Amino acid sequence: MSNLSKSLQKSREEAQRILQRANRKEGQATDVHAIAEMLGLDVKELSIPDSSVSGFLRNEDDAPEIVVNKDHSEERQRFTIAHEIGHFVLHASSPLYLDDVHTAQPAFFRDAESSRATKISEIEANQFAAELLMPNGEIAEQARSLSNAGAALEDELVGRLAKQYKVSFTAMAIRLGTF
């Protein structure tokens, strides 16, 4: 197993541990706000002038918080919160940078770069978020069940699961490997 494979497996396992701690019920959308709270993270919804930025993780007055772009769709906000929780859990010891008022902040922004798969930390956080919102084994079972119940069309199946788990159609299609 390559280092990347091991790293991604660790990301998925960490997400599963958190889902167990949160006592999430199978088949239901993950409550990312409750998980953030459980981990001691505040979530703030703000308008971010740069619409390419979905959110970021920062340490405000020694209290870690996730800032999410309130102008984005609910599904995108949920993925962003899950992604930033992933950074918090997986990359707690990452280096800090100084912001414009010289406060040490972790350098985690979810933006267009995050989905390009160019930085290992972003790939790990995306993998974590996908598992937190759409647990792989559970999604596979739900897909089989819906297929057996007559949701034969691929788009219909993806759409039903996306709605059930409160994620975008694209995220679910990627998760199912149909995109």
N, C-alpha and C. Protein backbone atom coordinates (compact mmCIF):
# COMPACT_ATOMS: atom_id res chain seq x y z
N MET A 1 0.85 -1.18 0.00
CA MET A 1 0.00 0.00 0.00
C MET A 1 0.89 1.24 0.00
N SER A 2 0.62 2.18 -0.91
CA SER A 2 1.41 3.41 -1.01
C SER A 2 1.16 4.33 0.18
N ASN A 3 2.04 5.30 0.36
CA ASN A 3 1.85 6.28 1.43
C ASN A 3 0.55 7.05 1.26
N LEU A 4 0.21 7.39 0.00
CA LEU A 4 -1.04 8.10 -0.25
C LEU A 4 -2.24 7.22 0.13
N SER A 5 -2.21 5.97 -0.25
CA SER A 5 -3.30 5.05 0.09
C SER A 5 -3.46 4.93 1.60
N LYS A 6 -2.33 4.82 2.31
CA LYS A 6 -2.38 4.73 3.78
C LYS A 6 -2.96 6.00 4.37
N SER A 7 -2.55 7.13 3.83
CA SER A 7 -3.01 8.42 4.31
C SER A 7 -4.52 8.58 4.12
N LEU A 8 -5.01 8.17 2.95
CA LEU A 8 -6.44 8.28 2.67
C LEU A 8 -7.24 7.30 3.52
N GLN A 9 -6.70 6.12 3.76
CA GLN A 9 -7.35 5.15 4.63
C GLN A 9 -7.46 5.70 6.05
N LYS A 10 -6.40 6.35 6.52
CA LYS A 10 -6.42 6.97 7.84
C LYS A 10 -7.49 8.06 7.90
N SER A 11 -7.62 8.84 6.84
CA SER A 11 -8.65 9.89 6.79
C SER A 11 -10.04 9.29 6.93
N ARG A 12 -10.30 8.22 6.19
CA ARG A 12 -11.61 7.56 6.26
C ARG A 12 -11.85 6.97 7.65
N GLU A 13 -10.83 6.36 8.23
CA GLU A 13 -10.97 5.76 9.57
C GLU A 13 -11.25 6.82 10.63
N GLU A 14 -10.58 7.96 10.53
CA GLU A 14 -10.83 9.06 11.48
C GLU A 14 -12.27 9.55 11.36
N ALA A 15 -12.77 9.68 10.14
CA ALA A 15 -14.16 10.10 9.95
C ALA A 15 -15.12 9.08 10.57
N GLN A 16 -14.84 7.80 10.39
CA GLN A 16 -15.69 6.76 10.97
C GLN A 16 -15.68 6.83 12.50
N ARG A 17 -14.51 7.07 13.09
CA ARG A 17 -14.42 7.20 14.55
C ARG A 17 -15.30 8.36 15.05
N ILE A 18 -15.25 9.45 14.33
CA ILE A 18 -16.05 10.60 14.74
C ILE A 18 -17.54 10.31 14.58
N LEU A 19 -17.91 9.66 13.50
CA LEU A 19 -19.32 9.29 13.32
C LEU A 19 -19.80 8.39 14.46
N GLN A 20 -18.96 7.48 14.91
CA GLN A 20 -19.33 6.61 16.04
C GLN A 20 -19.48 7.42 17.32
N ARG A 21 -18.54 8.33 17.56
CA ARG A 21 -18.63 9.18 18.76
C ARG A 21 -19.88 10.03 18.75
N ALA A 22 -20.31 10.45 17.57
CA ALA A 22 -21.47 11.32 17.44
C ALA A 22 -22.79 10.55 17.48
N ASN A 23 -22.71 9.24 17.52
CA ASN A 23 -23.91 8.39 17.53
C ASN A 23 -24.85 8.70 16.37
N ARG A 24 -24.28 8.91 15.21
CA ARG A 24 -25.07 9.19 14.01
C ARG A 24 -25.87 7.96 13.62
N LYS A 25 -27.13 8.19 13.26
CA LYS A 25 -27.99 7.09 12.83
C LYS A 25 -27.77 6.80 11.35
N GLU A 26 -27.60 5.54 11.02
CA GLU A 26 -27.39 5.13 9.64
C GLU A 26 -28.56 5.57 8.77
N GLY A 27 -28.24 6.02 7.57
CA GLY A 27 -29.26 6.44 6.62
C GLY A 27 -29.69 7.88 6.76
N GLN A 28 -29.16 8.56 7.75
CA GLN A 28 -29.52 9.97 7.95
C GLN A 28 -28.34 10.86 7.59
N ALA A 29 -28.67 12.08 7.21
CA ALA A 29 -27.61 13.05 6.91
C ALA A 29 -26.84 13.36 8.18
N THR A 30 -25.55 13.49 8.06
CA THR A 30 -24.67 13.80 9.18
C THR A 30 -24.89 15.25 9.62
N ASP A 31 -25.05 15.45 10.92
CA ASP A 31 -25.20 16.79 11.46
C ASP A 31 -23.80 17.37 11.70
N VAL A 32 -23.28 18.07 10.69
CA VAL A 32 -21.91 18.59 10.79
C VAL A 32 -21.77 19.67 11.86
N HIS A 33 -22.84 20.40 12.12
CA HIS A 33 -22.78 21.43 13.17
C HIS A 33 -22.63 20.76 14.54
N ALA A 34 -23.36 19.68 14.77
CA ALA A 34 -23.25 18.96 16.05
C ALA A 34 -21.86 18.34 16.20
N ILE A 35 -21.30 17.83 15.12
CA ILE A 35 -19.96 17.25 15.19
C ILE A 35 -18.93 18.33 15.47
N ALA A 36 -19.06 19.46 14.81
CA ALA A 36 -18.14 20.58 15.07
C ALA A 36 -18.22 20.97 16.55
N GLU A 37 -19.42 21.08 17.06
CA GLU A 37 -19.61 21.44 18.48
C GLU A 37 -18.99 20.38 19.39
N MET A 38 -19.21 19.11 19.06
CA MET A 38 -18.65 18.01 19.85
C MET A 38 -17.13 18.11 19.93
N LEU A 39 -16.50 18.61 18.86
CA LEU A 39 -15.05 18.73 18.79
C LEU A 39 -14.54 20.07 19.31
N GLY A 40 -15.44 20.93 19.78
CA GLY A 40 -15.04 22.22 20.33
C GLY A 40 -14.82 23.29 19.28
N LEU A 41 -15.42 23.11 18.11
CA LEU A 41 -15.29 24.08 17.02
C LEU A 41 -16.56 24.91 16.90
N ASP A 42 -16.40 26.21 16.80
CA ASP A 42 -17.54 27.07 16.46
C ASP A 42 -17.64 27.12 14.95
N VAL A 43 -18.85 27.27 14.44
CA VAL A 43 -19.07 27.45 13.01
C VAL A 43 -19.72 28.81 12.82
N LYS A 44 -19.09 29.65 12.00
CA LYS A 44 -19.63 30.97 11.69
C LYS A 44 -19.93 31.03 10.21
N GLU A 45 -21.12 31.50 9.90
CA GLU A 45 -21.52 31.70 8.50
C GLU A 45 -21.36 33.18 8.18
N LEU A 46 -20.48 33.47 7.23
CA LEU A 46 -20.22 34.86 6.84
C LEU A 46 -20.23 34.97 5.32
N SER A 47 -20.55 36.15 4.82
CA SER A 47 -20.36 36.42 3.40
C SER A 47 -18.88 36.62 3.16
N ILE A 48 -18.33 35.87 2.23
CA ILE A 48 -16.92 36.00 1.89
C ILE A 48 -16.86 36.63 0.51
N PRO A 49 -16.26 37.81 0.40
CA PRO A 49 -16.27 38.53 -0.88
C PRO A 49 -15.74 37.72 -2.06
N ASP A 50 -14.73 36.89 -1.83
CA ASP A 50 -14.20 36.04 -2.90
C ASP A 50 -15.06 34.78 -2.96
N SER A 51 -15.95 34.70 -3.93
CA SER A 51 -16.89 33.58 -4.00
C SER A 51 -16.22 32.25 -4.27
N SER A 52 -14.94 32.26 -4.67
CA SER A 52 -14.24 31.00 -4.87
C SER A 52 -13.82 30.36 -3.54
N VAL A 53 -13.89 31.12 -2.44
CA VAL A 53 -13.56 30.61 -1.12
C VAL A 53 -14.84 30.11 -0.46
N SER A 54 -14.85 28.82 -0.16
CA SER A 54 -16.02 28.22 0.48
C SER A 54 -15.96 28.35 1.99
N GLY A 55 -14.76 28.40 2.53
CA GLY A 55 -14.62 28.52 3.98
C GLY A 55 -13.19 28.31 4.39
N PHE A 56 -12.96 28.40 5.70
CA PHE A 56 -11.62 28.18 6.23
C PHE A 56 -11.69 27.88 7.71
N LEU A 57 -10.59 27.35 8.21
CA LEU A 57 -10.43 27.02 9.61
C LEU A 57 -9.47 28.04 10.20
N ARG A 58 -9.81 28.59 11.35
CA ARG A 58 -8.92 29.54 11.99
C ARG A 58 -9.04 29.41 13.50
N ASN A 59 -8.10 30.05 14.18
CA ASN A 59 -8.09 30.06 15.63
C ASN A 59 -8.34 31.49 16.06
N GLU A 60 -9.54 31.77 16.48
CA GLU A 60 -9.95 33.12 16.86
C GLU A 60 -9.98 33.22 18.38
N ASP A 61 -9.11 34.06 18.95
CA ASP A 61 -9.03 34.23 20.40
C ASP A 61 -8.85 32.89 21.11
N ASP A 62 -7.95 32.06 20.59
CA ASP A 62 -7.65 30.74 21.14
C ASP A 62 -8.86 29.80 21.12
N ALA A 63 -9.82 30.08 20.27
CA ALA A 63 -10.98 29.19 20.09
C ALA A 63 -11.05 28.83 18.61
N PRO A 64 -10.81 27.56 18.28
CA PRO A 64 -10.85 27.18 16.86
C PRO A 64 -12.26 27.34 16.29
N GLU A 65 -12.31 27.86 15.06
CA GLU A 65 -13.61 28.02 14.42
C GLU A 65 -13.50 27.79 12.92
N ILE A 66 -14.64 27.38 12.39
CA ILE A 66 -14.78 27.21 10.95
C ILE A 66 -15.62 28.37 10.46
N VAL A 67 -15.11 29.04 9.45
CA VAL A 67 -15.89 30.09 8.79
C VAL A 67 -16.33 29.51 7.46
N VAL A 68 -17.63 29.60 7.20
CA VAL A 68 -18.19 29.05 5.96
C VAL A 68 -18.91 30.16 5.21
N ASN A 69 -18.78 30.13 3.90
CA ASN A 69 -19.39 31.16 3.05
C ASN A 69 -20.91 30.97 3.03
N LYS A 70 -21.63 31.88 3.67
CA LYS A 70 -23.08 31.74 3.78
C LYS A 70 -23.80 31.96 2.45
N ASP A 71 -23.08 32.45 1.45
CA ASP A 71 -23.68 32.68 0.13
C ASP A 71 -23.66 31.42 -0.73
N HIS A 72 -23.03 30.36 -0.26
CA HIS A 72 -23.00 29.10 -1.00
C HIS A 72 -24.19 28.23 -0.60
N SER A 73 -24.49 27.23 -1.42
CA SER A 73 -25.62 26.34 -1.16
C SER A 73 -25.42 25.59 0.15
N GLU A 74 -26.52 25.11 0.71
CA GLU A 74 -26.46 24.33 1.95
C GLU A 74 -25.56 23.11 1.77
N GLU A 75 -25.68 22.44 0.64
CA GLU A 75 -24.86 21.25 0.40
C GLU A 75 -23.37 21.58 0.38
N ARG A 76 -23.03 22.68 -0.27
CA ARG A 76 -21.62 23.09 -0.32
C ARG A 76 -21.13 23.50 1.06
N GLN A 77 -21.96 24.20 1.80
CA GLN A 77 -21.59 24.58 3.16
C GLN A 77 -21.34 23.35 4.03
N ARG A 78 -22.19 22.35 3.90
CA ARG A 78 -22.03 21.12 4.69
C ARG A 78 -20.71 20.42 4.34
N PHE A 79 -20.40 20.35 3.03
CA PHE A 79 -19.14 19.72 2.64
C PHE A 79 -17.96 20.53 3.15
N THR A 80 -18.06 21.85 3.08
CA THR A 80 -16.99 22.72 3.56
C THR A 80 -16.76 22.51 5.05
N ILE A 81 -17.82 22.48 5.82
CA ILE A 81 -17.69 22.27 7.27
C ILE A 81 -17.03 20.91 7.53
N ALA A 82 -17.47 19.87 6.83
CA ALA A 82 -16.88 18.54 7.00
C ALA A 82 -15.40 18.55 6.60
N HIS A 83 -15.08 19.24 5.52
CA HIS A 83 -13.70 19.36 5.03
C HIS A 83 -12.82 20.05 6.09
N GLU A 84 -13.31 21.13 6.66
CA GLU A 84 -12.54 21.86 7.67
C GLU A 84 -12.43 21.06 8.97
N ILE A 85 -13.46 20.31 9.33
CA ILE A 85 -13.34 19.39 10.47
C ILE A 85 -12.22 18.40 10.18
N GLY A 86 -12.14 17.94 8.94
CA GLY A 86 -11.06 17.04 8.55
C GLY A 86 -9.69 17.65 8.79
N HIS A 87 -9.51 18.90 8.39
CA HIS A 87 -8.23 19.58 8.67
C HIS A 87 -7.97 19.64 10.17
N PHE A 88 -8.99 19.98 10.93
CA PHE A 88 -8.83 20.09 12.38
C PHE A 88 -8.40 18.77 13.00
N VAL A 89 -9.01 17.69 12.57
CA VAL A 89 -8.72 16.37 13.12
C VAL A 89 -7.40 15.81 12.60
N LEU A 90 -7.18 15.95 11.31
CA LEU A 90 -6.03 15.31 10.67
C LEU A 90 -4.75 16.13 10.69
N HIS A 91 -4.88 17.44 10.72
CA HIS A 91 -3.71 18.30 10.52
C HIS A 91 -3.50 19.30 11.66
N ALA A 92 -3.81 18.89 12.87
CA ALA A 92 -3.73 19.78 14.02
C ALA A 92 -2.33 20.34 14.24
N SER A 93 -1.31 19.62 13.79
CA SER A 93 0.06 20.08 14.04
C SER A 93 0.66 20.81 12.84
N SER A 94 -0.17 21.23 11.90
CA SER A 94 0.33 21.91 10.71
C SER A 94 0.87 23.29 11.05
N PRO A 95 1.77 23.80 10.20
CA PRO A 95 2.35 25.12 10.47
C PRO A 95 1.31 26.24 10.40
N LEU A 96 1.61 27.33 11.06
CA LEU A 96 0.73 28.49 11.09
C LEU A 96 1.30 29.58 10.19
N TYR A 97 0.43 30.50 9.79
CA TYR A 97 0.88 31.69 9.09
C TYR A 97 0.37 32.90 9.84
N LEU A 98 0.92 34.07 9.55
CA LEU A 98 0.46 35.29 10.20
C LEU A 98 -0.51 36.00 9.29
N ASP A 99 -1.68 36.35 9.82
CA ASP A 99 -2.65 37.07 9.01
C ASP A 99 -2.33 38.56 9.05
N ASP A 100 -3.24 39.38 8.51
CA ASP A 100 -2.94 40.80 8.36
C ASP A 100 -2.85 41.57 9.68
N VAL A 101 -3.29 40.98 10.78
CA VAL A 101 -3.11 41.62 12.08
C VAL A 101 -2.09 40.84 12.91
N HIS A 102 -1.28 40.02 12.23
CA HIS A 102 -0.18 39.28 12.84
C HIS A 102 -0.63 38.31 13.92
N THR A 103 -1.73 37.66 13.67
CA THR A 103 -2.23 36.61 14.54
C THR A 103 -1.89 35.28 13.88
N ALA A 104 -1.38 34.35 14.65
CA ALA A 104 -1.06 33.03 14.08
C ALA A 104 -2.36 32.31 13.73
N GLN A 105 -2.45 31.86 12.49
CA GLN A 105 -3.64 31.17 12.01
C GLN A 105 -3.21 29.94 11.22
N PRO A 106 -3.97 28.85 11.30
CA PRO A 106 -3.66 27.72 10.42
C PRO A 106 -4.02 28.08 8.99
N ALA A 107 -3.25 27.59 8.06
CA ALA A 107 -3.44 27.96 6.65
C ALA A 107 -4.32 26.96 5.93
N PHE A 108 -5.59 26.90 6.28
CA PHE A 108 -6.52 25.99 5.63
C PHE A 108 -7.69 26.78 5.07
N PHE A 109 -7.77 26.85 3.77
CA PHE A 109 -8.88 27.48 3.08
C PHE A 109 -9.48 26.45 2.15
N ARG A 110 -10.80 26.35 2.10
CA ARG A 110 -11.43 25.50 1.10
C ARG A 110 -11.84 26.40 -0.05
N ASP A 111 -11.15 26.22 -1.18
CA ASP A 111 -11.41 27.03 -2.35
C ASP A 111 -11.24 26.15 -3.59
N ALA A 112 -11.15 26.76 -4.75
CA ALA A 112 -11.04 25.99 -5.99
C ALA A 112 -9.83 25.08 -5.98
N GLU A 113 -8.77 25.49 -5.34
CA GLU A 113 -7.54 24.68 -5.27
C GLU A 113 -7.76 23.37 -4.51
N SER A 114 -8.67 23.38 -3.54
CA SER A 114 -8.90 22.21 -2.70
C SER A 114 -9.35 20.99 -3.48
N SER A 115 -10.09 21.18 -4.54
CA SER A 115 -10.63 20.05 -5.29
C SER A 115 -9.75 19.64 -6.47
N ARG A 116 -8.61 20.29 -6.64
CA ARG A 116 -7.73 19.95 -7.77
C ARG A 116 -6.79 18.79 -7.48
N ALA A 117 -6.80 18.30 -6.26
CA ALA A 117 -5.97 17.16 -5.86
C ALA A 117 -4.48 17.42 -6.06
N THR A 118 -4.03 18.63 -5.68
CA THR A 118 -2.61 18.95 -5.83
C THR A 118 -1.88 18.95 -4.48
N LYS A 119 -2.58 19.09 -3.38
CA LYS A 119 -1.97 19.09 -2.07
C LYS A 119 -2.50 17.90 -1.29
N ILE A 120 -1.60 17.15 -0.70
CA ILE A 120 -2.00 15.94 0.03
C ILE A 120 -2.95 16.28 1.17
N SER A 121 -2.73 17.40 1.87
CA SER A 121 -3.61 17.75 2.99
C SER A 121 -5.03 18.03 2.50
N GLU A 122 -5.17 18.59 1.30
CA GLU A 122 -6.50 18.85 0.75
C GLU A 122 -7.18 17.55 0.31
N ILE A 123 -6.41 16.64 -0.26
CA ILE A 123 -6.95 15.34 -0.66
C ILE A 123 -7.44 14.60 0.58
N GLU A 124 -6.63 14.63 1.64
CA GLU A 124 -7.02 13.96 2.89
C GLU A 124 -8.29 14.58 3.48
N ALA A 125 -8.37 15.91 3.51
CA ALA A 125 -9.55 16.58 4.07
C ALA A 125 -10.79 16.29 3.23
N ASN A 126 -10.63 16.23 1.90
CA ASN A 126 -11.77 15.88 1.04
C ASN A 126 -12.22 14.44 1.28
N GLN A 127 -11.27 13.53 1.43
CA GLN A 127 -11.59 12.13 1.69
C GLN A 127 -12.32 12.00 3.03
N PHE A 128 -11.83 12.72 4.03
CA PHE A 128 -12.46 12.74 5.35
C PHE A 128 -13.90 13.25 5.23
N ALA A 129 -14.07 14.37 4.54
CA ALA A 129 -15.40 14.97 4.39
C ALA A 129 -16.36 14.03 3.67
N ALA A 130 -15.89 13.39 2.62
CA ALA A 130 -16.74 12.45 1.88
C ALA A 130 -17.19 11.31 2.78
N GLU A 131 -16.29 10.78 3.57
CA GLU A 131 -16.64 9.67 4.47
C GLU A 131 -17.56 10.15 5.58
N LEU A 132 -17.34 11.35 6.10
CA LEU A 132 -18.18 11.88 7.17
C LEU A 132 -19.61 12.09 6.68
N LEU A 133 -19.76 12.60 5.47
CA LEU A 133 -21.09 12.91 4.93
C LEU A 133 -21.75 11.73 4.21
N MET A 134 -20.94 10.88 3.61
CA MET A 134 -21.44 9.77 2.79
C MET A 134 -20.64 8.51 3.09
N PRO A 135 -20.83 7.91 4.27
CA PRO A 135 -20.04 6.73 4.63
C PRO A 135 -20.09 5.67 3.53
N ASN A 136 -18.93 5.28 3.05
CA ASN A 136 -18.81 4.45 1.86
C ASN A 136 -19.65 3.17 1.91
N GLY A 137 -19.47 2.38 2.96
CA GLY A 137 -20.22 1.12 3.06
C GLY A 137 -21.72 1.35 3.10
N GLU A 138 -22.12 2.34 3.84
CA GLU A 138 -23.54 2.68 3.97
C GLU A 138 -24.12 3.15 2.64
N ILE A 139 -23.38 3.98 1.93
CA ILE A 139 -23.85 4.48 0.63
C ILE A 139 -23.99 3.33 -0.36
N ALA A 140 -23.03 2.43 -0.35
CA ALA A 140 -23.09 1.27 -1.25
C ALA A 140 -24.34 0.44 -0.96
N GLU A 141 -24.63 0.22 0.33
CA GLU A 141 -25.82 -0.55 0.71
C GLU A 141 -27.10 0.18 0.32
N GLN A 142 -27.15 1.49 0.56
CA GLN A 142 -28.32 2.29 0.17
C GLN A 142 -28.53 2.24 -1.34
N ALA A 143 -27.44 2.32 -2.10
CA ALA A 143 -27.55 2.27 -3.56
C ALA A 143 -28.10 0.92 -4.02
N ARG A 144 -27.61 -0.16 -3.42
CA ARG A 144 -28.14 -1.50 -3.75
C ARG A 144 -29.62 -1.59 -3.41
N SER A 145 -29.99 -1.09 -2.25
CA SER A 145 -31.38 -1.15 -1.81
C SER A 145 -32.29 -0.35 -2.74
N LEU A 146 -31.87 0.85 -3.10
CA LEU A 146 -32.69 1.67 -4.00
C LEU A 146 -32.77 1.05 -5.39
N SER A 147 -31.69 0.45 -5.86
CA SER A 147 -31.70 -0.20 -7.17
C SER A 147 -32.69 -1.36 -7.17
N ASN A 148 -32.71 -2.12 -6.08
CA ASN A 148 -33.65 -3.24 -5.95
C ASN A 148 -35.08 -2.77 -5.82
N ALA A 149 -35.26 -1.54 -5.32
CA ALA A 149 -36.61 -0.99 -5.13
C ALA A 149 -37.12 -0.28 -6.37
N GLY A 150 -36.34 -0.31 -7.45
CA GLY A 150 -36.83 0.24 -8.70
C GLY A 150 -36.21 1.55 -9.14
N ALA A 151 -35.26 2.09 -8.39
CA ALA A 151 -34.58 3.31 -8.84
C ALA A 151 -33.52 2.90 -9.85
N ALA A 152 -33.96 2.55 -11.02
CA ALA A 152 -33.06 1.96 -12.02
C ALA A 152 -32.21 2.99 -12.74
N LEU A 153 -32.73 4.16 -12.93
CA LEU A 153 -31.97 5.17 -13.66
C LEU A 153 -30.86 5.73 -12.78
N GLU A 154 -29.68 5.81 -13.33
CA GLU A 154 -28.52 6.28 -12.58
C GLU A 154 -28.76 7.66 -11.97
N ASP A 155 -29.27 8.59 -12.76
CA ASP A 155 -29.51 9.94 -12.25
C ASP A 155 -30.53 9.95 -11.12
N GLU A 156 -31.55 9.11 -11.23
CA GLU A 156 -32.57 9.04 -10.18
C GLU A 156 -31.95 8.52 -8.88
N LEU A 157 -31.14 7.50 -8.99
CA LEU A 157 -30.48 6.91 -7.83
C LEU A 157 -29.57 7.93 -7.16
N VAL A 158 -28.73 8.58 -7.95
CA VAL A 158 -27.80 9.58 -7.42
C VAL A 158 -28.59 10.72 -6.78
N GLY A 159 -29.63 11.19 -7.44
CA GLY A 159 -30.44 12.28 -6.92
C GLY A 159 -31.11 11.95 -5.59
N ARG A 160 -31.65 10.74 -5.49
CA ARG A 160 -32.31 10.33 -4.24
C ARG A 160 -31.31 10.28 -3.08
N LEU A 161 -30.15 9.69 -3.34
CA LEU A 161 -29.15 9.59 -2.28
C LEU A 161 -28.58 10.97 -1.92
N ALA A 162 -28.37 11.81 -2.91
CA ALA A 162 -27.87 13.17 -2.64
C ALA A 162 -28.86 13.92 -1.74
N LYS A 163 -30.13 13.79 -2.03
CA LYS A 163 -31.15 14.46 -1.21
C LYS A 163 -31.19 13.88 0.20
N GLN A 164 -31.13 12.55 0.30
CA GLN A 164 -31.18 11.89 1.60
C GLN A 164 -30.02 12.29 2.50
N TYR A 165 -28.83 12.39 1.91
CA TYR A 165 -27.63 12.70 2.69
C TYR A 165 -27.28 14.19 2.68
N LYS A 166 -28.09 15.01 2.01
CA LYS A 166 -27.92 16.46 1.95
C LYS A 166 -26.55 16.86 1.41
N VAL A 167 -26.20 16.25 0.28
CA VAL A 167 -24.97 16.59 -0.43
C VAL A 167 -25.35 16.93 -1.86
N SER A 168 -24.41 17.48 -2.59
CA SER A 168 -24.69 17.83 -3.98
C SER A 168 -24.80 16.57 -4.83
N PHE A 169 -25.49 16.70 -5.94
CA PHE A 169 -25.59 15.62 -6.91
C PHE A 169 -24.20 15.18 -7.35
N THR A 170 -23.33 16.16 -7.61
CA THR A 170 -21.97 15.87 -8.07
C THR A 170 -21.18 15.09 -7.02
N ALA A 171 -21.26 15.51 -5.75
CA ALA A 171 -20.54 14.81 -4.69
C ALA A 171 -21.00 13.36 -4.59
N MET A 172 -22.31 13.14 -4.67
CA MET A 172 -22.83 11.77 -4.58
C MET A 172 -22.43 10.96 -5.81
N ALA A 173 -22.48 11.58 -6.97
CA ALA A 173 -22.09 10.87 -8.19
C ALA A 173 -20.62 10.43 -8.11
N ILE A 174 -19.79 11.31 -7.61
CA ILE A 174 -18.37 10.96 -7.43
C ILE A 174 -18.23 9.83 -6.43
N ARG A 175 -18.97 9.93 -5.34
CA ARG A 175 -18.91 8.89 -4.29
C ARG A 175 -19.31 7.53 -4.84
N LEU A 176 -20.32 7.53 -5.68
CA LEU A 176 -20.81 6.27 -6.28
C LEU A 176 -19.98 5.83 -7.47
N GLY A 177 -19.07 6.70 -7.91
CA GLY A 177 -18.23 6.34 -9.05
C GLY A 177 -18.96 6.40 -10.36
N THR A 178 -19.98 7.23 -10.44
CA THR A 178 -20.77 7.32 -11.67
C THR A 178 -20.49 8.61 -12.44
N PHE A 179 -19.56 9.41 -11.98
CA PHE A 179 -19.33 10.71 -12.57
C PHE A 179 -18.03 10.73 -13.33
